[in-house]
N, C-alpha and C. Protein backbone atom coordinates (compact mmCIF):
# COMPACT_ATOMS: atom_id res chain seq x y z
N MET A 1 19.83 77.15 -169.91
CA MET A 1 19.12 77.95 -168.89
C MET A 1 19.13 79.42 -169.30
N ASP A 2 18.02 80.08 -169.10
CA ASP A 2 17.91 81.48 -169.44
C ASP A 2 18.86 82.29 -168.58
N GLU A 3 19.73 83.06 -169.23
CA GLU A 3 20.74 83.82 -168.47
C GLU A 3 20.12 84.95 -167.67
N ASN A 4 18.86 85.32 -168.01
CA ASN A 4 18.21 86.42 -167.28
C ASN A 4 17.49 85.95 -166.03
N ILE A 5 17.55 84.65 -165.76
CA ILE A 5 16.81 84.14 -164.62
C ILE A 5 17.34 84.71 -163.31
N TYR A 6 18.62 85.09 -163.30
CA TYR A 6 19.20 85.61 -162.07
C TYR A 6 18.79 87.05 -161.80
N ASP A 7 18.10 87.69 -162.77
CA ASP A 7 17.64 89.05 -162.58
C ASP A 7 16.28 89.11 -161.90
N LEU A 8 15.63 87.96 -161.70
CA LEU A 8 14.31 87.93 -161.09
C LEU A 8 14.40 88.24 -159.60
N ASP A 9 13.34 88.83 -159.09
CA ASP A 9 13.27 89.16 -157.67
C ASP A 9 12.74 87.94 -156.92
N TYR A 10 13.64 87.21 -156.25
CA TYR A 10 13.24 85.98 -155.58
C TYR A 10 13.03 86.22 -154.10
N ALA A 11 12.22 85.36 -153.50
CA ALA A 11 11.96 85.44 -152.06
C ALA A 11 11.85 84.04 -151.50
N GLU A 12 12.41 83.83 -150.32
CA GLU A 12 12.24 82.55 -149.64
C GLU A 12 10.77 82.41 -149.25
N TYR A 13 10.19 81.26 -149.52
CA TYR A 13 8.77 81.09 -149.20
C TYR A 13 8.48 79.63 -148.93
N PRO A 14 8.38 79.21 -147.68
CA PRO A 14 8.06 77.81 -147.38
C PRO A 14 6.66 77.48 -147.86
N ILE A 15 6.48 76.25 -148.27
CA ILE A 15 5.17 75.77 -148.66
C ILE A 15 4.53 75.12 -147.44
N LEU A 16 3.44 75.68 -146.95
CA LEU A 16 2.81 75.23 -145.72
C LEU A 16 1.52 74.50 -146.03
N ILE A 17 1.29 73.40 -145.36
CA ILE A 17 0.07 72.64 -145.51
C ILE A 17 -0.65 72.61 -144.17
N LEU A 18 -1.89 73.11 -144.13
CA LEU A 18 -2.68 73.10 -142.91
C LEU A 18 -3.62 71.91 -142.94
N SER A 19 -3.55 71.09 -141.91
CA SER A 19 -4.38 69.89 -141.84
C SER A 19 -5.39 70.05 -140.71
N PRO A 20 -6.67 70.31 -141.03
CA PRO A 20 -7.67 70.47 -139.97
C PRO A 20 -7.88 69.18 -139.23
N ARG A 21 -7.99 69.26 -137.91
CA ARG A 21 -8.20 68.07 -137.08
C ARG A 21 -9.68 67.83 -136.81
N LYS A 22 -10.45 68.91 -136.82
CA LYS A 22 -11.88 68.75 -136.65
C LYS A 22 -12.58 69.95 -137.25
N HIS A 23 -13.88 69.84 -137.44
CA HIS A 23 -14.62 70.93 -138.06
C HIS A 23 -14.65 72.13 -137.13
N CYS A 24 -14.52 73.30 -137.72
CA CYS A 24 -14.47 74.54 -136.94
C CYS A 24 -15.89 74.96 -136.58
N GLU A 25 -16.36 74.54 -135.43
CA GLU A 25 -17.71 74.86 -135.00
C GLU A 25 -17.69 75.42 -133.59
N GLY A 26 -18.38 76.54 -133.41
CA GLY A 26 -18.50 77.11 -132.06
C GLY A 26 -17.18 77.64 -131.55
N ARG A 27 -17.18 78.12 -130.34
CA ARG A 27 -15.96 78.67 -129.75
C ARG A 27 -15.28 77.63 -128.88
N PRO A 28 -13.98 77.75 -128.66
CA PRO A 28 -13.25 76.80 -127.83
C PRO A 28 -13.73 76.87 -126.39
N SER A 29 -13.44 75.85 -125.65
CA SER A 29 -13.84 75.83 -124.25
C SER A 29 -13.05 76.85 -123.45
N PRO A 30 -13.70 77.53 -122.47
CA PRO A 30 -13.02 78.55 -121.68
C PRO A 30 -11.82 77.95 -120.93
N GLY A 31 -10.82 78.81 -120.72
CA GLY A 31 -9.64 78.38 -119.97
C GLY A 31 -8.49 77.93 -120.84
N HIS A 32 -8.75 77.70 -122.13
CA HIS A 32 -7.66 77.33 -123.02
C HIS A 32 -6.98 78.57 -123.52
N SER A 33 -5.66 78.48 -123.70
CA SER A 33 -4.93 79.60 -124.27
C SER A 33 -5.18 79.64 -125.77
N ASP A 34 -4.86 80.79 -126.39
CA ASP A 34 -5.08 80.93 -127.83
C ASP A 34 -4.28 79.90 -128.60
N SER A 35 -3.03 79.66 -128.18
CA SER A 35 -2.20 78.69 -128.89
C SER A 35 -2.72 77.27 -128.73
N GLN A 36 -3.25 76.96 -127.55
CA GLN A 36 -3.83 75.64 -127.33
C GLN A 36 -5.06 75.44 -128.20
N ASN A 37 -5.87 76.49 -128.31
CA ASN A 37 -7.07 76.40 -129.14
C ASN A 37 -6.70 76.17 -130.59
N LEU A 38 -5.67 76.89 -131.06
CA LEU A 38 -5.29 76.78 -132.45
C LEU A 38 -4.70 75.40 -132.74
N ARG A 39 -3.89 74.89 -131.81
CA ARG A 39 -3.34 73.55 -132.01
C ARG A 39 -4.43 72.50 -132.01
N GLN A 40 -5.46 72.77 -131.23
CA GLN A 40 -6.58 71.83 -131.18
C GLN A 40 -7.32 71.80 -132.51
N GLU A 41 -7.39 72.93 -133.20
CA GLU A 41 -8.16 73.01 -134.42
C GLU A 41 -7.40 72.53 -135.65
N MET A 42 -6.10 72.71 -135.68
CA MET A 42 -5.35 72.32 -136.87
C MET A 42 -3.90 72.04 -136.53
N SER A 43 -3.27 71.22 -137.36
CA SER A 43 -1.85 70.94 -137.20
C SER A 43 -1.12 71.53 -138.40
N LEU A 44 0.12 71.95 -138.19
CA LEU A 44 0.91 72.58 -139.23
C LEU A 44 2.07 71.67 -139.60
N THR A 45 2.19 71.37 -140.88
CA THR A 45 3.27 70.55 -141.37
C THR A 45 3.98 71.28 -142.50
N ILE A 46 5.29 71.42 -142.39
CA ILE A 46 6.07 72.00 -143.47
C ILE A 46 6.52 70.86 -144.37
N HIS A 47 5.90 70.73 -145.54
CA HIS A 47 6.20 69.63 -146.44
C HIS A 47 7.40 69.91 -147.33
N ALA A 48 7.62 71.18 -147.65
CA ALA A 48 8.73 71.51 -148.53
C ALA A 48 9.03 72.99 -148.40
N SER A 49 10.20 73.38 -148.82
CA SER A 49 10.54 74.79 -148.88
C SER A 49 11.32 75.04 -150.14
N GLY A 50 11.31 76.26 -150.60
CA GLY A 50 12.01 76.54 -151.83
C GLY A 50 12.09 78.03 -152.09
N ARG A 51 12.50 78.37 -153.30
CA ARG A 51 12.61 79.76 -153.70
C ARG A 51 11.70 79.98 -154.90
N CYS A 52 11.04 81.13 -154.90
CA CYS A 52 10.15 81.42 -156.02
C CYS A 52 10.14 82.92 -156.26
N PRO A 53 9.77 83.35 -157.48
CA PRO A 53 9.67 84.78 -157.75
C PRO A 53 8.69 85.43 -156.79
N ARG A 54 8.93 86.70 -156.46
CA ARG A 54 8.12 87.38 -155.47
C ARG A 54 6.64 87.43 -155.86
N GLN A 55 6.35 87.53 -157.16
CA GLN A 55 4.96 87.54 -157.59
C GLN A 55 4.28 86.23 -157.22
N ARG A 56 4.99 85.12 -157.40
CA ARG A 56 4.41 83.83 -157.06
C ARG A 56 4.23 83.69 -155.55
N SER A 57 5.13 84.26 -154.77
CA SER A 57 4.97 84.19 -153.31
C SER A 57 3.74 84.97 -152.89
N GLY A 58 3.46 86.07 -153.58
CA GLY A 58 2.25 86.82 -153.29
C GLY A 58 1.00 86.02 -153.63
N GLU A 59 1.05 85.31 -154.74
CA GLU A 59 -0.08 84.47 -155.13
C GLU A 59 -0.29 83.36 -154.11
N ALA A 60 0.80 82.80 -153.60
CA ALA A 60 0.70 81.74 -152.60
C ALA A 60 0.06 82.27 -151.31
N ALA A 61 0.41 83.50 -150.92
CA ALA A 61 -0.17 84.10 -149.72
C ALA A 61 -1.67 84.35 -149.92
N GLU A 62 -2.05 84.79 -151.11
CA GLU A 62 -3.47 85.00 -151.39
C GLU A 62 -4.24 83.68 -151.30
N ALA A 63 -3.64 82.62 -151.83
CA ALA A 63 -4.28 81.31 -151.75
C ALA A 63 -4.39 80.84 -150.30
N ALA A 64 -3.36 81.14 -149.50
CA ALA A 64 -3.38 80.76 -148.08
C ALA A 64 -4.49 81.52 -147.35
N PHE A 65 -4.70 82.78 -147.73
CA PHE A 65 -5.77 83.56 -147.10
C PHE A 65 -7.14 82.94 -147.41
N VAL A 66 -7.34 82.61 -148.67
CA VAL A 66 -8.62 82.02 -149.06
C VAL A 66 -8.85 80.71 -148.30
N ALA A 67 -7.81 79.89 -148.20
CA ALA A 67 -7.94 78.60 -147.51
C ALA A 67 -8.28 78.81 -146.03
N ARG A 68 -7.60 79.76 -145.39
CA ARG A 68 -7.84 79.99 -143.96
C ARG A 68 -9.23 80.59 -143.73
N ALA A 69 -9.61 81.56 -144.56
CA ALA A 69 -10.92 82.18 -144.41
C ALA A 69 -12.04 81.16 -144.63
N LYS A 70 -11.88 80.31 -145.63
CA LYS A 70 -12.88 79.28 -145.88
C LYS A 70 -12.95 78.29 -144.71
N PHE A 71 -11.80 77.95 -144.15
CA PHE A 71 -11.75 77.04 -143.00
C PHE A 71 -12.52 77.62 -141.82
N LEU A 72 -12.48 78.94 -141.67
CA LEU A 72 -13.16 79.59 -140.56
C LEU A 72 -14.63 79.86 -140.85
N GLY A 73 -15.07 79.54 -142.06
CA GLY A 73 -16.50 79.64 -142.36
C GLY A 73 -16.92 80.85 -143.16
N PHE A 74 -15.97 81.64 -143.67
CA PHE A 74 -16.32 82.81 -144.46
C PHE A 74 -16.54 82.44 -145.93
N SER A 75 -17.37 83.23 -146.59
CA SER A 75 -17.49 83.15 -148.05
C SER A 75 -16.48 84.12 -148.65
N VAL A 76 -15.73 83.66 -149.65
CA VAL A 76 -14.67 84.49 -150.23
C VAL A 76 -14.92 84.69 -151.72
N LEU A 77 -14.80 85.91 -152.17
CA LEU A 77 -14.98 86.25 -153.58
C LEU A 77 -13.68 86.81 -154.12
N ILE A 78 -13.34 86.45 -155.36
CA ILE A 78 -12.12 86.93 -156.00
C ILE A 78 -12.51 87.84 -157.16
N PRO A 79 -12.01 89.09 -157.20
CA PRO A 79 -12.36 90.01 -158.30
C PRO A 79 -11.74 89.55 -159.62
N TRP A 80 -12.42 89.82 -160.70
CA TRP A 80 -11.93 89.45 -162.03
C TRP A 80 -10.86 90.43 -162.47
N GLY A 81 -9.70 89.91 -162.91
CA GLY A 81 -8.63 90.77 -163.39
C GLY A 81 -7.74 91.28 -162.27
N ASN A 82 -6.83 92.18 -162.64
CA ASN A 82 -5.86 92.72 -161.67
C ASN A 82 -5.95 94.23 -161.51
N SER A 83 -7.07 94.82 -161.90
CA SER A 83 -7.19 96.27 -161.87
C SER A 83 -7.67 96.81 -160.53
N ASP A 84 -8.16 95.93 -159.65
CA ASP A 84 -8.64 96.38 -158.35
C ASP A 84 -7.50 96.47 -157.34
N ARG A 85 -7.68 97.28 -156.31
CA ARG A 85 -6.66 97.46 -155.29
C ARG A 85 -6.72 96.37 -154.22
N TYR A 86 -7.73 95.53 -154.27
CA TYR A 86 -7.85 94.46 -153.29
C TYR A 86 -7.76 93.10 -153.97
N ASP A 87 -7.36 92.08 -153.20
CA ASP A 87 -7.14 90.74 -153.74
C ASP A 87 -8.38 89.87 -153.65
N SER A 88 -9.20 90.09 -152.63
CA SER A 88 -10.40 89.28 -152.45
C SER A 88 -11.40 90.06 -151.60
N ALA A 89 -12.60 89.52 -151.51
CA ALA A 89 -13.63 90.12 -150.66
C ALA A 89 -14.26 89.01 -149.82
N VAL A 90 -14.57 89.34 -148.59
CA VAL A 90 -15.12 88.35 -147.66
C VAL A 90 -16.56 88.75 -147.32
N ASP A 91 -17.45 87.77 -147.34
CA ASP A 91 -18.85 87.99 -147.00
C ASP A 91 -19.19 87.14 -145.78
N SER A 92 -19.55 87.80 -144.70
CA SER A 92 -19.91 87.09 -143.47
C SER A 92 -21.33 87.40 -143.03
N GLY A 93 -22.09 88.09 -143.89
CA GLY A 93 -23.44 88.48 -143.52
C GLY A 93 -23.55 89.92 -143.08
N HIS A 94 -22.42 90.62 -142.97
CA HIS A 94 -22.40 92.03 -142.57
C HIS A 94 -21.93 92.91 -143.71
N GLY A 95 -22.09 92.44 -144.94
CA GLY A 95 -21.60 93.18 -146.09
C GLY A 95 -20.23 92.68 -146.53
N LEU A 96 -19.82 93.08 -147.72
CA LEU A 96 -18.53 92.64 -148.25
C LEU A 96 -17.38 93.46 -147.66
N GLN A 97 -16.30 92.77 -147.32
CA GLN A 97 -15.10 93.41 -146.81
C GLN A 97 -13.97 93.17 -147.83
N ARG A 98 -13.39 94.26 -148.33
CA ARG A 98 -12.32 94.15 -149.33
C ARG A 98 -10.98 93.88 -148.62
N ILE A 99 -10.26 92.87 -149.08
CA ILE A 99 -9.04 92.43 -148.41
C ILE A 99 -7.84 92.53 -149.35
N GLN A 100 -6.78 93.15 -148.88
CA GLN A 100 -5.49 93.13 -149.56
C GLN A 100 -4.56 92.24 -148.75
N VAL A 101 -3.92 91.27 -149.39
CA VAL A 101 -3.07 90.31 -148.70
C VAL A 101 -1.60 90.63 -148.94
N LYS A 102 -0.84 90.70 -147.86
CA LYS A 102 0.61 90.89 -147.94
C LYS A 102 1.28 89.84 -147.06
N SER A 103 2.51 89.48 -147.38
CA SER A 103 3.19 88.45 -146.60
C SER A 103 4.63 88.83 -146.30
N ALA A 104 5.16 88.23 -145.24
CA ALA A 104 6.57 88.39 -144.85
C ALA A 104 7.15 86.99 -144.68
N SER A 105 8.25 86.72 -145.34
CA SER A 105 8.84 85.38 -145.30
C SER A 105 10.17 85.32 -144.57
N SER A 106 10.69 86.47 -144.14
CA SER A 106 11.95 86.47 -143.41
C SER A 106 11.96 87.61 -142.40
N MET A 107 12.80 87.49 -141.38
CA MET A 107 12.85 88.47 -140.30
C MET A 107 13.83 89.59 -140.66
N LYS A 108 13.43 90.82 -140.33
CA LYS A 108 14.27 91.98 -140.54
C LYS A 108 14.20 92.87 -139.30
N ASP A 109 15.34 93.26 -138.77
CA ASP A 109 15.39 94.13 -137.59
C ASP A 109 14.56 93.55 -136.44
N SER A 110 14.70 92.26 -136.20
CA SER A 110 14.03 91.56 -135.10
C SER A 110 12.52 91.46 -135.28
N GLY A 111 12.03 91.76 -136.47
CA GLY A 111 10.60 91.65 -136.73
C GLY A 111 10.34 91.24 -138.17
N TYR A 112 9.08 91.13 -138.49
CA TYR A 112 8.67 90.77 -139.85
C TYR A 112 7.98 91.98 -140.47
N ARG A 113 8.39 92.35 -141.66
CA ARG A 113 7.86 93.56 -142.29
C ARG A 113 7.02 93.21 -143.52
N ILE A 114 5.88 93.88 -143.65
CA ILE A 114 5.09 93.80 -144.86
C ILE A 114 4.93 95.20 -145.44
N LYS A 115 4.78 95.28 -146.75
CA LYS A 115 4.54 96.55 -147.41
C LYS A 115 3.07 96.92 -147.29
N THR A 116 2.80 98.19 -147.21
CA THR A 116 1.42 98.67 -147.18
C THR A 116 1.14 99.57 -148.38
N THR A 117 1.91 99.34 -149.44
CA THR A 117 1.72 100.10 -150.68
C THR A 117 1.43 99.15 -151.82
N GLY A 118 0.77 99.67 -152.84
CA GLY A 118 0.52 98.90 -154.04
C GLY A 118 1.69 99.01 -155.00
N SER A 119 1.53 98.48 -156.20
CA SER A 119 2.60 98.53 -157.19
C SER A 119 2.89 99.96 -157.64
N ASP A 120 1.95 100.87 -157.41
CA ASP A 120 2.15 102.27 -157.76
C ASP A 120 2.87 103.06 -156.68
N GLY A 121 3.15 102.40 -155.55
CA GLY A 121 3.85 103.06 -154.46
C GLY A 121 2.97 103.82 -153.50
N HIS A 122 1.66 103.86 -153.75
CA HIS A 122 0.74 104.58 -152.88
C HIS A 122 0.28 103.70 -151.73
N VAL A 123 0.20 104.28 -150.54
CA VAL A 123 -0.25 103.55 -149.36
C VAL A 123 -1.75 103.25 -149.49
N TYR A 124 -2.13 102.05 -149.09
CA TYR A 124 -3.54 101.68 -149.13
C TYR A 124 -4.34 102.51 -148.13
N THR A 125 -5.54 102.93 -148.54
CA THR A 125 -6.43 103.68 -147.68
C THR A 125 -7.79 102.98 -147.64
N SER A 126 -8.70 103.52 -146.83
CA SER A 126 -10.03 102.94 -146.72
C SER A 126 -10.84 103.11 -148.00
N LYS A 127 -10.36 103.95 -148.93
CA LYS A 127 -11.01 104.06 -150.24
C LYS A 127 -10.66 102.86 -151.11
N ASP A 128 -9.52 102.22 -150.82
CA ASP A 128 -9.05 101.10 -151.63
C ASP A 128 -9.47 99.76 -151.05
N ILE A 129 -9.32 99.62 -149.73
CA ILE A 129 -9.56 98.34 -149.06
C ILE A 129 -10.24 98.58 -147.72
N ASP A 130 -10.78 97.52 -147.15
CA ASP A 130 -11.32 97.58 -145.79
C ASP A 130 -10.33 97.03 -144.77
N PHE A 131 -9.60 95.98 -145.17
CA PHE A 131 -8.62 95.36 -144.28
C PHE A 131 -7.39 94.94 -145.06
N LEU A 132 -6.25 95.00 -144.38
CA LEU A 132 -5.02 94.43 -144.89
C LEU A 132 -4.73 93.17 -144.09
N ALA A 133 -4.58 92.05 -144.77
CA ALA A 133 -4.28 90.78 -144.12
C ALA A 133 -2.78 90.51 -144.27
N GLY A 134 -2.06 90.58 -143.17
CA GLY A 134 -0.62 90.34 -143.18
C GLY A 134 -0.31 88.93 -142.72
N TYR A 135 0.42 88.19 -143.54
CA TYR A 135 0.73 86.80 -143.24
C TYR A 135 2.22 86.64 -142.94
N VAL A 136 2.56 86.24 -141.72
CA VAL A 136 3.94 85.95 -141.35
C VAL A 136 4.16 84.47 -141.62
N VAL A 137 4.77 84.17 -142.74
CA VAL A 137 4.84 82.80 -143.25
C VAL A 137 5.56 81.84 -142.31
N PRO A 138 6.79 82.15 -141.85
CA PRO A 138 7.50 81.17 -141.01
C PRO A 138 6.77 80.84 -139.71
N GLU A 139 5.95 81.79 -139.21
CA GLU A 139 5.25 81.59 -137.94
C GLU A 139 3.81 81.09 -138.15
N ASN A 140 3.34 81.13 -139.39
CA ASN A 140 1.95 80.79 -139.71
C ASN A 140 0.99 81.64 -138.87
N ILE A 141 1.23 82.94 -138.84
CA ILE A 141 0.42 83.87 -138.07
C ILE A 141 -0.17 84.92 -139.01
N TRP A 142 -1.44 85.24 -138.79
CA TRP A 142 -2.13 86.25 -139.59
C TRP A 142 -2.42 87.49 -138.73
N TYR A 143 -2.39 88.64 -139.39
CA TYR A 143 -2.79 89.90 -138.79
C TYR A 143 -3.86 90.52 -139.68
N ILE A 144 -5.04 90.80 -139.10
CA ILE A 144 -6.14 91.40 -139.85
C ILE A 144 -6.25 92.86 -139.41
N ILE A 145 -5.79 93.77 -140.26
CA ILE A 145 -5.62 95.17 -139.87
C ILE A 145 -6.60 96.07 -140.61
N PRO A 146 -7.41 96.87 -139.89
CA PRO A 146 -8.31 97.82 -140.55
C PRO A 146 -7.51 98.82 -141.38
N ALA A 147 -8.04 99.21 -142.51
CA ALA A 147 -7.32 100.13 -143.39
C ALA A 147 -7.00 101.45 -142.69
N ASP A 148 -7.90 101.92 -141.86
CA ASP A 148 -7.67 103.20 -141.17
C ASP A 148 -6.47 103.16 -140.23
N ALA A 149 -6.10 101.95 -139.77
CA ALA A 149 -4.98 101.81 -138.83
C ALA A 149 -3.63 101.92 -139.53
N ILE A 150 -3.62 101.84 -140.85
CA ILE A 150 -2.35 101.89 -141.58
C ILE A 150 -1.77 103.30 -141.56
N GLY A 151 -2.64 104.30 -141.64
CA GLY A 151 -2.17 105.68 -141.67
C GLY A 151 -1.36 105.97 -142.92
N LYS A 152 -0.22 106.61 -142.74
CA LYS A 152 0.66 106.95 -143.87
C LYS A 152 1.86 106.02 -143.95
N ARG A 153 1.84 104.95 -143.19
CA ARG A 153 2.97 104.03 -143.17
C ARG A 153 3.13 103.30 -144.49
N GLU A 154 4.34 103.19 -144.96
CA GLU A 154 4.63 102.43 -146.18
C GLU A 154 5.00 100.99 -145.86
N GLY A 155 5.10 100.68 -144.58
CA GLY A 155 5.40 99.33 -144.15
C GLY A 155 5.03 99.15 -142.69
N ILE A 156 4.75 97.92 -142.31
CA ILE A 156 4.38 97.60 -140.94
C ILE A 156 5.25 96.45 -140.45
N TYR A 157 5.74 96.57 -139.21
CA TYR A 157 6.54 95.51 -138.59
C TYR A 157 5.69 94.74 -137.58
N PHE A 158 5.88 93.43 -137.57
CA PHE A 158 5.21 92.56 -136.60
C PHE A 158 6.27 91.92 -135.71
N TYR A 159 5.97 91.83 -134.41
CA TYR A 159 6.86 91.21 -133.44
C TYR A 159 6.06 90.18 -132.63
N PRO A 160 5.73 89.05 -133.22
CA PRO A 160 4.84 88.09 -132.55
C PRO A 160 5.41 87.47 -131.28
N HIS A 161 6.74 87.50 -131.11
CA HIS A 161 7.33 86.83 -129.95
C HIS A 161 7.99 87.81 -128.99
N THR A 162 7.62 89.08 -129.08
CA THR A 162 8.24 90.06 -128.19
C THR A 162 7.89 89.78 -126.73
N ARG A 163 8.84 90.06 -125.84
CA ARG A 163 8.61 89.91 -124.40
C ARG A 163 8.53 91.25 -123.70
N ARG A 164 8.45 92.30 -124.48
CA ARG A 164 8.33 93.64 -123.91
C ARG A 164 7.01 93.78 -123.18
N GLY A 165 7.03 94.51 -122.09
CA GLY A 165 5.80 94.73 -121.33
C GLY A 165 4.75 95.46 -122.14
N LEU A 166 5.19 96.45 -122.94
CA LEU A 166 4.29 97.18 -123.81
C LEU A 166 4.32 96.54 -125.18
N LYS A 167 3.22 95.94 -125.57
CA LYS A 167 3.16 95.23 -126.84
C LYS A 167 3.25 96.21 -128.01
N PRO A 168 3.93 95.83 -129.10
CA PRO A 168 3.95 96.66 -130.31
C PRO A 168 2.54 96.95 -130.80
N ALA A 169 2.38 98.06 -131.49
CA ALA A 169 1.06 98.59 -131.84
C ALA A 169 0.19 97.61 -132.61
N PHE A 170 0.78 96.80 -133.47
CA PHE A 170 -0.04 95.97 -134.35
C PHE A 170 -0.25 94.55 -133.84
N GLU A 171 0.27 94.24 -132.66
CA GLU A 171 0.05 92.90 -132.12
C GLU A 171 -1.41 92.66 -131.73
N LYS A 172 -2.16 93.73 -131.47
CA LYS A 172 -3.58 93.56 -131.12
C LYS A 172 -4.40 93.05 -132.29
N TYR A 173 -3.82 93.09 -133.50
CA TYR A 173 -4.54 92.61 -134.68
C TYR A 173 -4.19 91.16 -135.03
N ARG A 174 -3.40 90.52 -134.19
CA ARG A 174 -3.01 89.13 -134.47
C ARG A 174 -4.22 88.21 -134.39
N GLU A 175 -4.43 87.46 -135.47
CA GLU A 175 -5.55 86.51 -135.61
C GLU A 175 -6.90 87.18 -135.36
N ALA A 176 -7.03 88.46 -135.73
CA ALA A 176 -8.28 89.19 -135.50
C ALA A 176 -9.27 88.95 -136.63
N TRP A 177 -9.52 87.69 -136.92
CA TRP A 177 -10.49 87.32 -137.95
C TRP A 177 -11.90 87.76 -137.55
N CYS A 178 -12.11 87.99 -136.28
CA CYS A 178 -13.41 88.44 -135.79
C CYS A 178 -13.81 89.77 -136.42
N PHE A 179 -12.82 90.59 -136.85
CA PHE A 179 -13.14 91.84 -137.54
C PHE A 179 -14.03 91.60 -138.76
N LEU A 180 -13.81 90.47 -139.41
CA LEU A 180 -14.54 90.17 -140.63
C LEU A 180 -15.93 89.64 -140.34
N ASP A 181 -16.25 89.45 -139.08
CA ASP A 181 -17.52 88.85 -138.68
C ASP A 181 -18.31 89.76 -137.74
N CYS A 182 -18.02 91.05 -137.80
CA CYS A 182 -18.74 91.97 -136.91
C CYS A 182 -18.88 93.33 -137.58
N PRO A 183 -19.92 94.10 -137.24
CA PRO A 183 -20.07 95.45 -137.79
C PRO A 183 -19.03 96.40 -137.21
N ARG A 184 -18.83 97.54 -137.86
CA ARG A 184 -17.81 98.50 -137.46
C ARG A 184 -17.95 98.93 -136.00
N LYS A 185 -19.15 99.16 -135.52
CA LYS A 185 -19.35 99.66 -134.15
C LYS A 185 -18.96 98.63 -133.10
N ALA A 186 -18.78 97.37 -133.48
CA ALA A 186 -18.44 96.33 -132.52
C ALA A 186 -16.94 96.19 -132.31
N ARG A 187 -16.13 97.00 -132.99
CA ARG A 187 -14.68 96.86 -132.87
C ARG A 187 -14.16 97.27 -131.50
N GLY A 188 -14.82 98.21 -130.87
CA GLY A 188 -14.34 98.66 -129.57
C GLY A 188 -13.46 99.89 -129.70
N TRP A 189 -13.21 100.52 -128.56
CA TRP A 189 -12.38 101.72 -128.55
C TRP A 189 -10.95 101.38 -128.93
N ARG A 190 -10.45 102.06 -129.94
CA ARG A 190 -9.11 101.79 -130.46
C ARG A 190 -8.92 100.30 -130.82
N ASP A 191 -10.01 99.72 -131.31
CA ASP A 191 -10.00 98.33 -131.79
C ASP A 191 -9.76 97.30 -130.70
N VAL A 192 -9.92 97.67 -129.45
CA VAL A 192 -9.81 96.71 -128.35
C VAL A 192 -11.21 96.41 -127.84
N PRO A 193 -11.70 95.17 -127.98
CA PRO A 193 -13.10 94.87 -127.65
C PRO A 193 -13.36 94.77 -126.15
N VAL A 194 -14.57 95.15 -125.76
CA VAL A 194 -15.01 94.97 -124.38
C VAL A 194 -15.56 93.55 -124.21
N VAL A 195 -16.24 93.08 -125.24
CA VAL A 195 -16.74 91.70 -125.28
C VAL A 195 -16.23 91.06 -126.55
N CYS A 196 -16.28 89.73 -126.61
CA CYS A 196 -15.81 89.01 -127.79
C CYS A 196 -16.59 89.46 -129.02
N ARG A 197 -15.89 89.75 -130.10
CA ARG A 197 -16.53 90.24 -131.31
C ARG A 197 -17.29 89.14 -132.05
N SER A 198 -16.80 87.91 -131.96
CA SER A 198 -17.44 86.81 -132.67
C SER A 198 -17.21 85.51 -131.91
N LYS A 199 -18.21 85.06 -131.21
CA LYS A 199 -18.10 83.82 -130.46
C LYS A 199 -18.22 82.59 -131.37
N GLN A 200 -18.54 82.81 -132.64
CA GLN A 200 -18.72 81.70 -133.57
C GLN A 200 -17.40 81.17 -134.13
N LEU A 201 -16.36 81.99 -134.09
CA LEU A 201 -15.07 81.55 -134.62
C LEU A 201 -14.37 80.62 -133.63
N CYS A 202 -13.52 79.75 -134.18
CA CYS A 202 -12.87 78.74 -133.34
C CYS A 202 -11.54 79.22 -132.78
N LEU A 203 -11.20 80.48 -132.92
CA LEU A 203 -9.99 81.02 -132.30
C LEU A 203 -10.25 82.46 -131.91
N HIS A 204 -9.45 82.97 -130.98
CA HIS A 204 -9.62 84.31 -130.47
C HIS A 204 -8.47 85.21 -130.92
N CYS A 205 -8.78 86.50 -131.08
CA CYS A 205 -7.73 87.44 -131.42
C CYS A 205 -6.83 87.67 -130.20
N ALA A 206 -5.75 88.40 -130.41
CA ALA A 206 -4.75 88.57 -129.34
C ALA A 206 -5.29 89.33 -128.15
N VAL A 207 -6.34 90.15 -128.33
CA VAL A 207 -6.87 90.96 -127.24
C VAL A 207 -8.30 90.57 -126.89
N CYS A 208 -8.73 89.39 -127.28
CA CYS A 208 -10.09 88.95 -126.96
C CYS A 208 -10.26 88.79 -125.46
N PRO A 209 -11.36 89.30 -124.88
CA PRO A 209 -11.60 89.14 -123.44
C PRO A 209 -11.73 87.68 -123.01
N LEU A 210 -12.07 86.79 -123.95
CA LEU A 210 -12.23 85.38 -123.61
C LEU A 210 -10.93 84.59 -123.72
N ARG A 211 -9.91 85.22 -124.25
CA ARG A 211 -8.64 84.52 -124.48
C ARG A 211 -7.94 84.21 -123.16
N GLY A 212 -7.45 83.00 -123.03
CA GLY A 212 -6.68 82.59 -121.87
C GLY A 212 -7.50 82.29 -120.66
């Protein structure tokens, strides 16, 4: 065994398999909660778990993003090489949206943290990407965050199960795949929509007026 193997940066990363139960068409029936809608659309099975180098865990998260976006009906493009600041681009008919994918596989300080910097240590901006897709692996939850919302933060914490009356700032971006299916002016004031951004998707974001 290579004696340098213990010098690698490893991360816990469960292998998740999403099994669709039916084709993702139209919006869920009114009155269902977001979690009920999601359970109706797909089941989650943890087939195995293991340890892998952090680079491979990043690749797994990128693959999970492509699978989820394709399941929801988006066209996904992958840039050639590794010189771009984004991992993929999504085409929904409103132009290409550049996506950087980050993941969190363990809890820290009662939340899940993702980095918002590239390998050069610089924070992602709207010049680099349009959205940051944060994947909380143990919870199988996605956050679709506009680049402008990152600000100067070098990391973002997610608290998907908080019971605080005032929700953490980034919870409004939970499962906000509708961002990728609407023009900029449809986001709403401070990214909170007045009407549903995309009735064609089979799930609602955390602040969708139709949710619940």
